[in-house]
Amino acid sequence: MPALLLDTGRFEQVLNNLISNAVKFSPDGTTIQLWLRRQSDNALIEVRDQGPGMSRNDLDRMFEPFRSLRRTGTAGEPGTGLGLVIARRIVNAHGGRIWAESSPGQGSSFFVQLPL
């Protein structure tokens, strides 16, 4: 994988948000998976959880400010509804894109695509 030109502090914030959300919304004893792979002229990061999954409607709204879809995690942790909004702004500022794929009961995958 070629080196990526990133604001490492800000990008660490993106990864921390995605991984902590995966942990927060996944039941104990499940696995969080993280991949980095090259896809053409891009780096693709995927964070996959085994949580409750989301509906299409939730996927459409999850990157809007203050639109926390579920205020607490599996252990009662609160959410602000801003983490994914901030992550999207950081990723966009790096010329990339961020999105999620999910179905109810099937877990969720969050993707970050960045130009190499």
PDB file of N, CA and C in Angstrom:
ATOM      1  N   MET A   1       0.853  -1.177   0.000  1.00  0.00           N
ATOM      2  CA  MET A   1       0.000   0.000   0.000  1.00  0.00           C
ATOM      3  C   MET A   1       0.894   1.233   0.000  1.00  0.00           C
ATOM      4  N   PRO A   2       0.722   2.126  -0.970  1.00  0.00           N
ATOM      5  CA  PRO A   2       1.488   3.379  -0.960  1.00  0.00           C
ATOM      6  C   PRO A   2       1.103   4.232   0.251  1.00  0.00           C
ATOM      7  N   ALA A   3       1.976   5.143   0.586  1.00  0.00           N
ATOM      8  CA  ALA A   3       1.706   6.047   1.703  1.00  0.00           C
ATOM      9  C   ALA A   3       0.524   6.958   1.370  1.00  0.00           C
ATOM     10  N   LEU A   4      -0.266   7.257   2.382  1.00  0.00           N
ATOM     11  CA  LEU A   4      -1.377   8.192   2.239  1.00  0.00           C
ATOM     12  C   LEU A   4      -0.970   9.528   2.846  1.00  0.00           C
ATOM     13  N   LEU A   5      -1.354  10.624   2.194  1.00  0.00           N
ATOM     14  CA  LEU A   5      -1.106  11.947   2.741  1.00  0.00           C
ATOM     15  C   LEU A   5      -2.317  12.325   3.589  1.00  0.00           C
ATOM     16  N   LEU A   6      -2.130  12.287   4.909  1.00  0.00           N
ATOM     17  CA  LEU A   6      -3.234  12.510   5.832  1.00  0.00           C
ATOM     18  C   LEU A   6      -2.836  13.451   6.952  1.00  0.00           C
ATOM     19  N   ASP A   7      -3.826  14.140   7.478  1.00  0.00           N
ATOM     20  CA  ASP A   7      -3.672  14.786   8.770  1.00  0.00           C
ATOM     21  C   ASP A   7      -3.878  13.661   9.776  1.00  0.00           C
ATOM     22  N   THR A   8      -2.789  13.100  10.283  1.00  0.00           N
ATOM     23  CA  THR A   8      -2.883  11.876  11.081  1.00  0.00           C
ATOM     24  C   THR A   8      -3.731  12.051  12.342  1.00  0.00           C
ATOM     25  N   GLY A   9      -3.660  13.201  12.957  1.00  0.00           N
ATOM     26  CA  GLY A   9      -4.478  13.443  14.151  1.00  0.00           C
ATOM     27  C   GLY A   9      -5.960  13.403  13.839  1.00  0.00           C
ATOM     28  N   ARG A  10      -6.342  14.060  12.770  1.00  0.00           N
ATOM     29  CA  ARG A  10      -7.764  14.080  12.376  1.00  0.00           C
ATOM     30  C   ARG A  10      -8.213  12.708  11.888  1.00  0.00           C
ATOM     31  N   PHE A  11      -7.352  12.046  11.149  1.00  0.00           N
ATOM     32  CA  PHE A  11      -7.746  10.744  10.634  1.00  0.00           C
ATOM     33  C   PHE A  11      -7.826   9.706  11.745  1.00  0.00           C
ATOM     34  N   GLU A  12      -6.995   9.850  12.753  1.00  0.00           N
ATOM     35  CA  GLU A  12      -7.108   8.986  13.931  1.00  0.00           C
ATOM     36  C   GLU A  12      -8.481   9.174  14.576  1.00  0.00           C
ATOM     37  N   GLN A  13      -8.978  10.400  14.566  1.00  0.00           N
ATOM     38  CA  GLN A  13     -10.313  10.693  15.096  1.00  0.00           C
ATOM     39  C   GLN A  13     -11.382   9.917  14.317  1.00  0.00           C
ATOM     40  N   VAL A  14     -11.247   9.837  13.000  1.00  0.00           N
ATOM     41  CA  VAL A  14     -12.196   9.083  12.170  1.00  0.00           C
ATOM     42  C   VAL A  14     -12.182   7.611  12.561  1.00  0.00           C
ATOM     43  N   LEU A  15     -10.987   7.029  12.601  1.00  0.00           N
ATOM     44  CA  LEU A  15     -10.876   5.605  12.935  1.00  0.00           C
ATOM     45  C   LEU A  15     -11.367   5.323  14.351  1.00  0.00           C
ATOM     46  N   ASN A  16     -11.011   6.186  15.292  1.00  0.00           N
ATOM     47  CA  ASN A  16     -11.494   6.004  16.667  1.00  0.00           C
ATOM     48  C   ASN A  16     -13.008   6.017  16.726  1.00  0.00           C
ATOM     49  N   ASN A  17     -13.632   6.903  15.966  1.00  0.00           N
ATOM     50  CA  ASN A  17     -15.087   6.982  15.961  1.00  0.00           C
ATOM     51  C   ASN A  17     -15.700   5.707  15.395  1.00  0.00           C
ATOM     52  N   LEU A  18     -15.205   5.255  14.262  1.00  0.00           N
ATOM     53  CA  LEU A  18     -15.779   4.070  13.626  1.00  0.00           C
ATOM     54  C   LEU A  18     -15.586   2.819  14.480  1.00  0.00           C
ATOM     55  N   ILE A  19     -14.399   2.663  15.031  1.00  0.00           N
ATOM     56  CA  ILE A  19     -14.131   1.473  15.849  1.00  0.00           C
ATOM     57  C   ILE A  19     -14.896   1.533  17.163  1.00  0.00           C
ATOM     58  N   SER A  20     -14.914   2.694  17.811  1.00  0.00           N
ATOM     59  CA  SER A  20     -15.642   2.778  19.086  1.00  0.00           C
ATOM     60  C   SER A  20     -17.143   2.597  18.880  1.00  0.00           C
ATOM     61  N   ASN A  21     -17.697   3.086  17.763  1.00  0.00           N
ATOM     62  CA  ASN A  21     -19.113   2.835  17.474  1.00  0.00           C
ATOM     63  C   ASN A  21     -19.371   1.349  17.265  1.00  0.00           C
ATOM     64  N   ALA A  22     -18.464   0.678  16.547  1.00  0.00           N
ATOM     65  CA  ALA A  22     -18.623  -0.760  16.313  1.00  0.00           C
ATOM     66  C   ALA A  22     -18.635  -1.512  17.642  1.00  0.00           C
ATOM     67  N   VAL A  23     -17.729  -1.149  18.532  1.00  0.00           N
ATOM     68  CA  VAL A  23     -17.678  -1.792  19.847  1.00  0.00           C
ATOM     69  C   VAL A  23     -18.921  -1.429  20.660  1.00  0.00           C
ATOM     70  N   LYS A  24     -19.295  -0.157  20.640  1.00  0.00           N
ATOM     71  CA  LYS A  24     -20.418   0.323  21.446  1.00  0.00           C
ATOM     72  C   LYS A  24     -21.731  -0.378  21.100  1.00  0.00           C
ATOM     73  N   PHE A  25     -21.937  -0.666  19.826  1.00  0.00           N
ATOM     74  CA  PHE A  25     -23.228  -1.204  19.406  1.00  0.00           C
ATOM     75  C   PHE A  25     -23.200  -2.702  19.102  1.00  0.00           C
ATOM     76  N   SER A  26     -22.129  -3.375  19.502  1.00  0.00           N
ATOM     77  CA  SER A  26     -22.035  -4.817  19.296  1.00  0.00           C
ATOM     78  C   SER A  26     -22.172  -5.550  20.626  1.00  0.00           C
ATOM     79  N   PRO A  27     -22.866  -6.664  20.626  1.00  0.00           N
ATOM     80  CA  PRO A  27     -22.991  -7.443  21.865  1.00  0.00           C
ATOM     81  C   PRO A  27     -21.646  -8.006  22.317  1.00  0.00           C
ATOM     82  N   ASP A  28     -21.513  -8.239  23.614  1.00  0.00           N
ATOM     83  CA  ASP A  28     -20.307  -8.868  24.151  1.00  0.00           C
ATOM     84  C   ASP A  28     -20.060 -10.192  23.444  1.00  0.00           C
ATOM     85  N   GLY A  29     -18.788 -10.489  23.236  1.00  0.00           N
ATOM     86  CA  GLY A  29     -18.405 -11.757  22.641  1.00  0.00           C
ATOM     87  C   GLY A  29     -18.435 -11.785  21.122  1.00  0.00           C
ATOM     88  N   THR A  30     -18.813 -10.671  20.485  1.00  0.00           N
ATOM     89  CA  THR A  30     -18.802 -10.630  19.021  1.00  0.00           C
ATOM     90  C   THR A  30     -17.491 -10.031  18.531  1.00  0.00           C
ATOM     91  N   THR A  31     -17.279 -10.100  17.246  1.00  0.00           N
ATOM     92  CA  THR A  31     -16.022  -9.676  16.640  1.00  0.00           C
ATOM     93  C   THR A  31     -16.207  -8.389  15.846  1.00  0.00           C
ATOM     94  N   ILE A  32     -15.238  -7.493  15.972  1.00  0.00           N
ATOM     95  CA  ILE A  32     -15.149  -6.297  15.139  1.00  0.00           C
ATOM     96  C   ILE A  32     -14.015  -6.574  14.155  1.00  0.00           C
ATOM     97  N   GLN A  33     -14.272  -6.370  12.869  1.00  0.00           N
ATOM     98  CA  GLN A  33     -13.250  -6.615  11.861  1.00  0.00           C
ATOM     99  C   GLN A  33     -12.852  -5.296  11.210  1.00  0.00           C
ATOM    100  N   LEU A  34     -11.559  -5.161  10.933  1.00  0.00           N
ATOM    101  CA  LEU A  34     -11.016  -3.958  10.309  1.00  0.00           C
ATOM    102  C   LEU A  34     -10.122  -4.395   9.156  1.00  0.00           C
ATOM    103  N   TRP A  35     -10.390  -3.841   7.965  1.00  0.00           N
ATOM    104  CA  TRP A  35      -9.594  -4.152   6.777  1.00  0.00           C
ATOM    105  C   TRP A  35      -9.085  -2.875   6.144  1.00  0.00           C
ATOM    106  N   LEU A  36      -7.913  -2.983   5.561  1.00  0.00           N
ATOM    107  CA  LEU A  36      -7.357  -1.944   4.706  1.00  0.00           C
ATOM    108  C   LEU A  36      -6.922  -2.648   3.432  1.00  0.00           C
ATOM    109  N   ARG A  37      -7.443  -2.188   2.312  1.00  0.00           N
ATOM    110  CA  ARG A  37      -7.056  -2.789   1.039  1.00  0.00           C
ATOM    111  C   ARG A  37      -6.985  -1.719  -0.042  1.00  0.00           C
ATOM    112  N   ARG A  38      -6.211  -2.045  -1.061  1.00  0.00           N
ATOM    113  CA  ARG A  38      -6.107  -1.151  -2.207  1.00  0.00           C
ATOM    114  C   ARG A  38      -7.219  -1.496  -3.184  1.00  0.00           C
ATOM    115  N   GLN A  39      -7.840  -0.453  -3.695  1.00  0.00           N
ATOM    116  CA  GLN A  39      -8.906  -0.614  -4.680  1.00  0.00           C
ATOM    117  C   GLN A  39      -8.639   0.400  -5.785  1.00  0.00           C
ATOM    118  N   SER A  40      -7.972  -0.061  -6.836  1.00  0.00           N
ATOM    119  CA  SER A  40      -7.611   0.809  -7.938  1.00  0.00           C
ATOM    120  C   SER A  40      -6.676   1.912  -7.421  1.00  0.00           C
ATOM    121  N   ASP A  41      -7.043   3.173  -7.581  1.00  0.00           N
ATOM    122  CA  ASP A  41      -6.217   4.292  -7.127  1.00  0.00           C
ATOM    123  C   ASP A  41      -6.647   4.804  -5.755  1.00  0.00           C
ATOM    124  N   ASN A  42      -7.291   3.938  -4.976  1.00  0.00           N
ATOM    125  CA  ASN A  42      -7.803   4.329  -3.664  1.00  0.00           C
ATOM    126  C   ASN A  42      -7.396   3.324  -2.602  1.00  0.00           C
ATOM    127  N   ALA A  43      -7.356   3.813  -1.387  1.00  0.00           N
ATOM    128  CA  ALA A  43      -7.266   2.938  -0.216  1.00  0.00           C
ATOM    129  C   ALA A  43      -8.689   2.806   0.321  1.00  0.00           C
ATOM    130  N   LEU A  44      -9.075   1.601   0.683  1.00  0.00           N
ATOM    131  CA  LEU A  44     -10.413   1.354   1.221  1.00  0.00           C
ATOM    132  C   LEU A  44     -10.269   0.746   2.602  1.00  0.00           C
ATOM    133  N   ILE A  45     -10.846   1.406   3.575  1.00  0.00           N
ATOM    134  CA  ILE A  45     -10.867   0.925   4.953  1.00  0.00           C
ATOM    135  C   ILE A  45     -12.293   0.466   5.234  1.00  0.00           C
ATOM    136  N   GLU A  46     -12.422  -0.685   5.859  1.00  0.00           N
ATOM    137  CA  GLU A  46     -13.743  -1.192   6.254  1.00  0.00           C
ATOM    138  C   GLU A  46     -13.704  -1.571   7.722  1.00  0.00           C
ATOM    139  N   VAL A  47     -14.701  -1.118   8.470  1.00  0.00           N
ATOM    140  CA  VAL A  47     -14.916  -1.519   9.854  1.00  0.00           C
ATOM    141  C   VAL A  47     -16.257  -2.238   9.887  1.00  0.00           C
ATOM    142  N   ARG A  48     -16.226  -3.519  10.257  1.00  0.00           N
ATOM    143  CA  ARG A  48     -17.451  -4.336  10.244  1.00  0.00           C
ATOM    144  C   ARG A  48     -17.749  -4.831  11.652  1.00  0.00           C
ATOM    145  N   ASP A  49     -19.012  -4.701  12.039  1.00  0.00           N
ATOM    146  CA  ASP A  49     -19.421  -5.186  13.353  1.00  0.00           C
ATOM    147  C   ASP A  49     -20.503  -6.254  13.222  1.00  0.00           C
ATOM    148  N   GLN A  50     -20.870  -6.832  14.337  1.00  0.00           N
ATOM    149  CA  GLN A  50     -21.926  -7.833  14.385  1.00  0.00           C
ATOM    150  C   GLN A  50     -23.080  -7.323  15.247  1.00  0.00           C
ATOM    151  N   GLY A  51     -23.303  -6.026  15.171  1.00  0.00           N
ATOM    152  CA  GLY A  51     -24.361  -5.396  15.953  1.00  0.00           C
ATOM    153  C   GLY A  51     -25.735  -5.620  15.357  1.00  0.00           C
ATOM    154  N   PRO A  52     -26.712  -4.802  15.789  1.00  0.00           N
ATOM    155  CA  PRO A  52     -28.102  -5.009  15.379  1.00  0.00           C
ATOM    156  C   PRO A  52     -28.408  -4.621  13.937  1.00  0.00           C
ATOM    157  N   GLY A  53     -27.489  -3.939  13.280  1.00  0.00           N
ATOM    158  CA  GLY A  53     -27.756  -3.500  11.914  1.00  0.00           C
ATOM    159  C   GLY A  53     -28.685  -2.301  11.889  1.00  0.00           C
ATOM    160  N   MET A  54     -28.942  -1.790  10.680  1.00  0.00           N
ATOM    161  CA  MET A  54     -29.759  -0.582  10.521  1.00  0.00           C
ATOM    162  C   MET A  54     -30.646  -0.707   9.291  1.00  0.00           C
ATOM    163  N   SER A  55     -31.716   0.050   9.314  1.00  0.00           N
ATOM    164  CA  SER A  55     -32.621   0.101   8.162  1.00  0.00           C
ATOM    165  C   SER A  55     -32.074   1.065   7.114  1.00  0.00           C
ATOM    166  N   ARG A  56     -32.630   1.011   5.918  1.00  0.00           N
ATOM    167  CA  ARG A  56     -32.250   1.928   4.829  1.00  0.00           C
ATOM    168  C   ARG A  56     -32.497   3.377   5.261  1.00  0.00           C
ATOM    169  N   ASN A  57     -33.599   3.622   5.943  1.00  0.00           N
ATOM    170  CA  ASN A  57     -33.935   4.963   6.417  1.00  0.00           C
ATOM    171  C   ASN A  57     -32.854   5.480   7.382  1.00  0.00           C
ATOM    172  N   ASP A  58     -32.395   4.611   8.288  1.00  0.00           N
ATOM    173  CA  ASP A  58     -31.341   5.009   9.219  1.00  0.00           C
ATOM    174  C   ASP A  58     -30.045   5.308   8.483  1.00  0.00           C
ATOM    175  N   LEU A  59     -29.716   4.503   7.488  1.00  0.00           N
ATOM    176  CA  LEU A  59     -28.492   4.725   6.717  1.00  0.00           C
ATOM    177  C   LEU A  59     -28.510   6.079   6.021  1.00  0.00           C
ATOM    178  N   ASP A  60     -29.672   6.490   5.553  1.00  0.00           N
ATOM    179  CA  ASP A  60     -29.797   7.773   4.869  1.00  0.00           C
ATOM    180  C   ASP A  60     -29.610   8.956   5.817  1.00  0.00           C
ATOM    181  N   ARG A  61     -29.908   8.773   7.115  1.00  0.00           N
ATOM    182  CA  ARG A  61     -29.884   9.882   8.073  1.00  0.00           C
ATOM    183  C   ARG A  61     -28.664   9.912   8.974  1.00  0.00           C
ATOM    184  N   MET A  62     -27.900   8.862   9.011  1.00  0.00           N
ATOM    185  CA  MET A  62     -26.878   8.724  10.049  1.00  0.00           C
ATOM    186  C   MET A  62     -25.739   9.742   9.980  1.00  0.00           C
ATOM    187  N   PHE A  63     -25.518  10.388   8.859  1.00  0.00           N
ATOM    188  CA  PHE A  63     -24.446  11.375   8.745  1.00  0.00           C
ATOM    189  C   PHE A  63     -24.965  12.802   8.902  1.00  0.00           C
ATOM    190  N   GLU A  64     -26.228  12.953   9.332  1.00  0.00           N
ATOM    191  CA  GLU A  64     -26.799  14.277   9.590  1.00  0.00           C
ATOM    192  C   GLU A  64     -26.516  14.676  11.039  1.00  0.00           C
ATOM    193  N   PRO A  65     -26.248  15.976  11.290  1.00  0.00           N
ATOM    194  CA  PRO A  65     -25.967  16.414  12.663  1.00  0.00           C
ATOM    195  C   PRO A  65     -27.110  16.092  13.623  1.00  0.00           C
ATOM    196  N   PHE A  66     -26.739  15.665  14.822  1.00  0.00           N
ATOM    197  CA  PHE A  66     -27.658  15.392  15.933  1.00  0.00           C
ATOM    198  C   PHE A  66     -28.694  14.317  15.601  1.00  0.00           C
ATOM    199  N   ARG A  67     -28.372  13.428  14.665  1.00  0.00           N
ATOM    200  CA  ARG A  67     -29.292  12.365  14.269  1.00  0.00           C
ATOM    201  C   ARG A  67     -28.836  11.022  14.812  1.00  0.00           C
ATOM    202  N   SER A  68     -28.423  11.007  16.078  1.00  0.00           N
ATOM    203  CA  SER A  68     -28.039   9.741  16.679  1.00  0.00           C
ATOM    204  C   SER A  68     -29.236   8.806  16.560  1.00  0.00           C
ATOM    205  N   LEU A  69     -29.010   7.645  15.969  1.00  0.00           N
ATOM    206  CA  LEU A  69     -30.106   6.722  15.707  1.00  0.00           C
ATOM    207  C   LEU A  69     -30.467   5.922  16.945  1.00  0.00           C
ATOM    208  N   ARG A  70     -29.511   5.802  17.829  1.00  0.00           N
ATOM    209  CA  ARG A  70     -29.722   5.069  19.064  1.00  0.00           C
ATOM    210  C   ARG A  70     -28.871   5.766  20.097  1.00  0.00           C
ATOM    211  N   ARG A  71     -29.472   6.332  21.071  1.00  0.00           N
ATOM    212  CA  ARG A  71     -28.751   7.180  22.015  1.00  0.00           C
ATOM    213  C   ARG A  71     -27.782   6.435  22.925  1.00  0.00           C
ATOM    214  N   THR A  72     -27.989   5.156  23.162  1.00  0.00           N
ATOM    215  CA  THR A  72     -27.092   4.433  24.052  1.00  0.00           C
ATOM    216  C   THR A  72     -26.607   3.148  23.400  1.00  0.00           C
ATOM    217  N   GLY A  73     -25.405   2.755  23.779  1.00  0.00           N
ATOM    218  CA  GLY A  73     -24.841   1.518  23.279  1.00  0.00           C
ATOM    219  C   GLY A  73     -25.314   0.329  24.085  1.00  0.00           C
ATOM    220  N   THR A  74     -24.748  -0.824  23.820  1.00  0.00           N
ATOM    221  CA  THR A  74     -25.172  -2.050  24.489  1.00  0.00           C
ATOM    222  C   THR A  74     -24.887  -2.027  25.984  1.00  0.00           C
ATOM    223  N   ALA A  75     -23.939  -1.204  26.431  1.00  0.00           N
ATOM    224  CA  ALA A  75     -23.637  -1.089  27.859  1.00  0.00           C
ATOM    225  C   ALA A  75     -24.168   0.228  28.434  1.00  0.00           C
ATOM    226  N   GLY A  76     -25.065   0.895  27.704  1.00  0.00           N
ATOM    227  CA  GLY A  76     -25.668   2.134  28.187  1.00  0.00           C
ATOM    228  C   GLY A  76     -24.877   3.390  27.883  1.00  0.00           C
ATOM    229  N   GLU A  77     -23.840   3.305  27.037  1.00  0.00           N
ATOM    230  CA  GLU A  77     -23.036   4.478  26.711  1.00  0.00           C
ATOM    231  C   GLU A  77     -23.866   5.458  25.892  1.00  0.00           C
ATOM    232  N   PRO A  78     -23.791   6.742  26.224  1.00  0.00           N
ATOM    233  CA  PRO A  78     -24.547   7.738  25.453  1.00  0.00           C
ATOM    234  C   PRO A  78     -23.830   8.102  24.157  1.00  0.00           C
ATOM    235  N   GLY A  79     -24.577   8.660  23.218  1.00  0.00           N
ATOM    236  CA  GLY A  79     -24.013   9.177  21.979  1.00  0.00           C
ATOM    237  C   GLY A  79     -24.475  10.604  21.772  1.00  0.00           C
ATOM    238  N   THR A  80     -23.708  11.385  20.998  1.00  0.00           N
ATOM    239  CA  THR A  80     -24.066  12.785  20.776  1.00  0.00           C
ATOM    240  C   THR A  80     -24.741  13.004  19.430  1.00  0.00           C
ATOM    241  N   GLY A  81     -24.557  12.070  18.498  1.00  0.00           N
ATOM    242  CA  GLY A  81     -25.071  12.275  17.155  1.00  0.00           C
ATOM    243  C   GLY A  81     -24.153  13.119  16.299  1.00  0.00           C
ATOM    244  N   LEU A  82     -22.912  13.352  16.740  1.00  0.00           N
ATOM    245  CA  LEU A  82     -21.974  14.185  15.981  1.00  0.00           C
ATOM    246  C   LEU A  82     -20.767  13.427  15.454  1.00  0.00           C
ATOM    247  N   GLY A  83     -20.456  12.262  15.977  1.00  0.00           N
ATOM    248  CA  GLY A  83     -19.245  11.540  15.601  1.00  0.00           C
ATOM    249  C   GLY A  83     -19.146  11.253  14.119  1.00  0.00           C
ATOM    250  N   LEU A  84     -20.214  10.744  13.523  1.00  0.00           N
ATOM    251  CA  LEU A  84     -20.175  10.423  12.096  1.00  0.00           C
ATOM    252  C   LEU A  84     -20.198  11.677  11.228  1.00  0.00           C
ATOM    253  N   VAL A  85     -20.829  12.727  11.706  1.00  0.00           N
ATOM    254  CA  VAL A  85     -20.832  14.003  10.972  1.00  0.00           C
ATOM    255  C   VAL A  85     -19.402  14.546  10.894  1.00  0.00           C
ATOM    256  N   ILE A  86     -18.706  14.530  12.017  1.00  0.00           N
ATOM    257  CA  ILE A  86     -17.325  15.001  12.055  1.00  0.00           C
ATOM    258  C   ILE A  86     -16.447  14.100  11.189  1.00  0.00           C
ATOM    259  N   ALA A  87     -16.648  12.788  11.289  1.00  0.00           N
ATOM    260  CA  ALA A  87     -15.861  11.850  10.478  1.00  0.00           C
ATOM    261  C   ALA A  87     -16.050  12.137   8.996  1.00  0.00           C
ATOM    262  N   ARG A  88     -17.282  12.376   8.580  1.00  0.00           N
ATOM    263  CA  ARG A  88     -17.538  12.662   7.164  1.00  0.00           C
ATOM    264  C   ARG A  88     -16.820  13.938   6.731  1.00  0.00           C
ATOM    265  N   ARG A  89     -16.855  14.961   7.556  1.00  0.00           N
ATOM    266  CA  ARG A  89     -16.185  16.213   7.192  1.00  0.00           C
ATOM    267  C   ARG A  89     -14.678  16.023   7.051  1.00  0.00           C
ATOM    268  N   ILE A  90     -14.094  15.232   7.949  1.00  0.00           N
ATOM    269  CA  ILE A  90     -12.654  14.974   7.875  1.00  0.00           C
ATOM    270  C   ILE A  90     -12.320  14.177   6.614  1.00  0.00           C
ATOM    271  N   VAL A  91     -13.087  13.133   6.349  1.00  0.00           N
ATOM    272  CA  VAL A  91     -12.843  12.303   5.168  1.00  0.00           C
ATOM    273  C   VAL A  91     -13.017  13.131   3.899  1.00  0.00           C
ATOM    274  N   ASN A  92     -14.076  13.919   3.823  1.00  0.00           N
ATOM    275  CA  ASN A  92     -14.297  14.772   2.653  1.00  0.00           C
ATOM    276  C   ASN A  92     -13.153  15.761   2.454  1.00  0.00           C
ATOM    277  N   ALA A  93     -12.616  16.307   3.542  1.00  0.00           N
ATOM    278  CA  ALA A  93     -11.505  17.251   3.451  1.00  0.00           C
ATOM    279  C   ALA A  93     -10.240  16.582   2.910  1.00  0.00           C
ATOM    280  N   HIS A  94     -10.166  15.264   3.011  1.00  0.00           N
ATOM    281  CA  HIS A  94      -9.036  14.499   2.467  1.00  0.00           C
ATOM    282  C   HIS A  94      -9.319  14.005   1.046  1.00  0.00           C
ATOM    283  N   GLY A  95     -10.415  14.459   0.454  1.00  0.00           N
ATOM    284  CA  GLY A  95     -10.753  14.063  -0.906  1.00  0.00           C
ATOM    285  C   GLY A  95     -11.368  12.675  -0.998  1.00  0.00           C
ATOM    286  N   GLY A  96     -11.838  12.151   0.124  1.00  0.00           N
ATOM    287  CA  GLY A  96     -12.406  10.806   0.148  1.00  0.00           C
ATOM    288  C   GLY A  96     -13.897  10.810   0.365  1.00  0.00           C
ATOM    289  N   ARG A  97     -14.408   9.632   0.647  1.00  0.00           N
ATOM    290  CA  ARG A  97     -15.828   9.503   0.971  1.00  0.00           C
ATOM    291  C   ARG A  97     -16.004   8.432   2.034  1.00  0.00           C
ATOM    292  N   ILE A  98     -17.101   8.538   2.777  1.00  0.00           N
ATOM    293  CA  ILE A  98     -17.424   7.609   3.845  1.00  0.00           C
ATOM    294  C   ILE A  98     -18.890   7.213   3.691  1.00  0.00           C
ATOM    295  N   TRP A  99     -19.182   5.942   3.922  1.00  0.00           N
ATOM    296  CA  TRP A  99     -20.561   5.465   3.838  1.00  0.00           C
ATOM    297  C   TRP A  99     -20.701   4.194   4.665  1.00  0.00           C
ATOM    298  N   ALA A 100     -21.930   3.762   4.818  1.00  0.00           N
ATOM    299  CA  ALA A 100     -22.212   2.533   5.573  1.00  0.00           C
ATOM    300  C   ALA A 100     -23.134   1.644   4.762  1.00  0.00           C
ATOM    301  N   GLU A 101     -23.008   0.348   5.014  1.00  0.00           N
ATOM    302  CA  GLU A 101     -23.905  -0.646   4.445  1.00  0.00           C
ATOM    303  C   GLU A 101     -24.382  -1.518   5.598  1.00  0.00           C
ATOM    304  N   SER A 102     -25.685  -1.804   5.612  1.00  0.00           N
ATOM    305  CA  SER A 102     -26.230  -2.563   6.722  1.00  0.00           C
ATOM    306  C   SER A 102     -27.629  -3.045   6.395  1.00  0.00           C
ATOM    307  N   SER A 103     -28.058  -4.027   7.144  1.00  0.00           N
ATOM    308  CA  SER A 103     -29.436  -4.513   7.119  1.00  0.00           C
ATOM    309  C   SER A 103     -29.815  -4.860   8.550  1.00  0.00           C
ATOM    310  N   PRO A 104     -31.069  -4.664   8.926  1.00  0.00           N
ATOM    311  CA  PRO A 104     -31.470  -5.021  10.288  1.00  0.00           C
ATOM    312  C   PRO A 104     -31.127  -6.478  10.605  1.00  0.00           C
ATOM    313  N   GLY A 105     -30.503  -6.669  11.769  1.00  0.00           N
ATOM    314  CA  GLY A 105     -30.133  -7.999  12.223  1.00  0.00           C
ATOM    315  C   GLY A 105     -28.878  -8.571  11.593  1.00  0.00           C
ATOM    316  N   GLN A 106     -28.201  -7.795  10.738  1.00  0.00           N
ATOM    317  CA  GLN A 106     -27.043  -8.316   9.996  1.00  0.00           C
ATOM    318  C   GLN A 106     -25.732  -7.593  10.298  1.00  0.00           C
ATOM    319  N   GLY A 107     -25.693  -6.729  11.266  1.00  0.00           N
ATOM    320  CA  GLY A 107     -24.478  -5.963  11.534  1.00  0.00           C
ATOM    321  C   GLY A 107     -24.329  -4.825  10.534  1.00  0.00           C
ATOM    322  N   SER A 108     -23.239  -4.095  10.660  1.00  0.00           N
ATOM    323  CA  SER A 108     -22.990  -2.942   9.798  1.00  0.00           C
ATOM    324  C   SER A 108     -21.541  -2.915   9.354  1.00  0.00           C
ATOM    325  N   SER A 109     -21.308  -2.369   8.167  1.00  0.00           N
ATOM    326  CA  SER A 109     -19.960  -2.116   7.663  1.00  0.00           C
ATOM    327  C   SER A 109     -19.860  -0.640   7.324  1.00  0.00           C
ATOM    328  N   PHE A 110     -18.819  -0.014   7.823  1.00  0.00           N
ATOM    329  CA  PHE A 110     -18.527   1.378   7.508  1.00  0.00           C
ATOM    330  C   PHE A 110     -17.272   1.405   6.646  1.00  0.00           C
ATOM    331  N   PHE A 111     -17.335   2.182   5.580  1.00  0.00           N
ATOM    332  CA  PHE A 111     -16.258   2.252   4.600  1.00  0.00           C
ATOM    333  C   PHE A 111     -15.709   3.672   4.521  1.00  0.00           C
ATOM    334  N   VAL A 112     -14.399   3.771   4.378  1.00  0.00           N
ATOM    335  CA  VAL A 112     -13.726   5.036   4.096  1.00  0.00           C
ATOM    336  C   VAL A 112     -12.857   4.786   2.883  1.00  0.00           C
ATOM    337  N   GLN A 113     -13.074   5.577   1.846  1.00  0.00           N
ATOM    338  CA  GLN A 113     -12.291   5.479   0.614  1.00  0.00           C
ATOM    339  C   GLN A 113     -11.481   6.764   0.473  1.00  0.00           C
ATOM    340  N   LEU A 114     -10.165   6.603   0.298  1.00  0.00           N
ATOM    341  CA  LEU A 114      -9.265   7.743   0.182  1.00  0.00           C
ATOM    342  C   LEU A 114      -8.378   7.591  -1.049  1.00  0.00           C
ATOM    343  N   PRO A 115      -8.124   8.696  -1.747  1.00  0.00           N
ATOM    344  CA  PRO A 115      -7.236   8.607  -2.911  1.00  0.00           C
ATOM    345  C   PRO A 115      -5.801   8.346  -2.487  1.00  0.00           C
ATOM    346  N   LEU A 116      -5.115   7.526  -3.279  1.00  0.00           N
ATOM    347  CA  LEU A 116      -3.698   7.244  -3.007  1.00  0.00           C
ATOM    348  C   LEU A 116      -2.825   8.310  -3.646  1.00  0.00           C
TER     349      LEU A 116
END
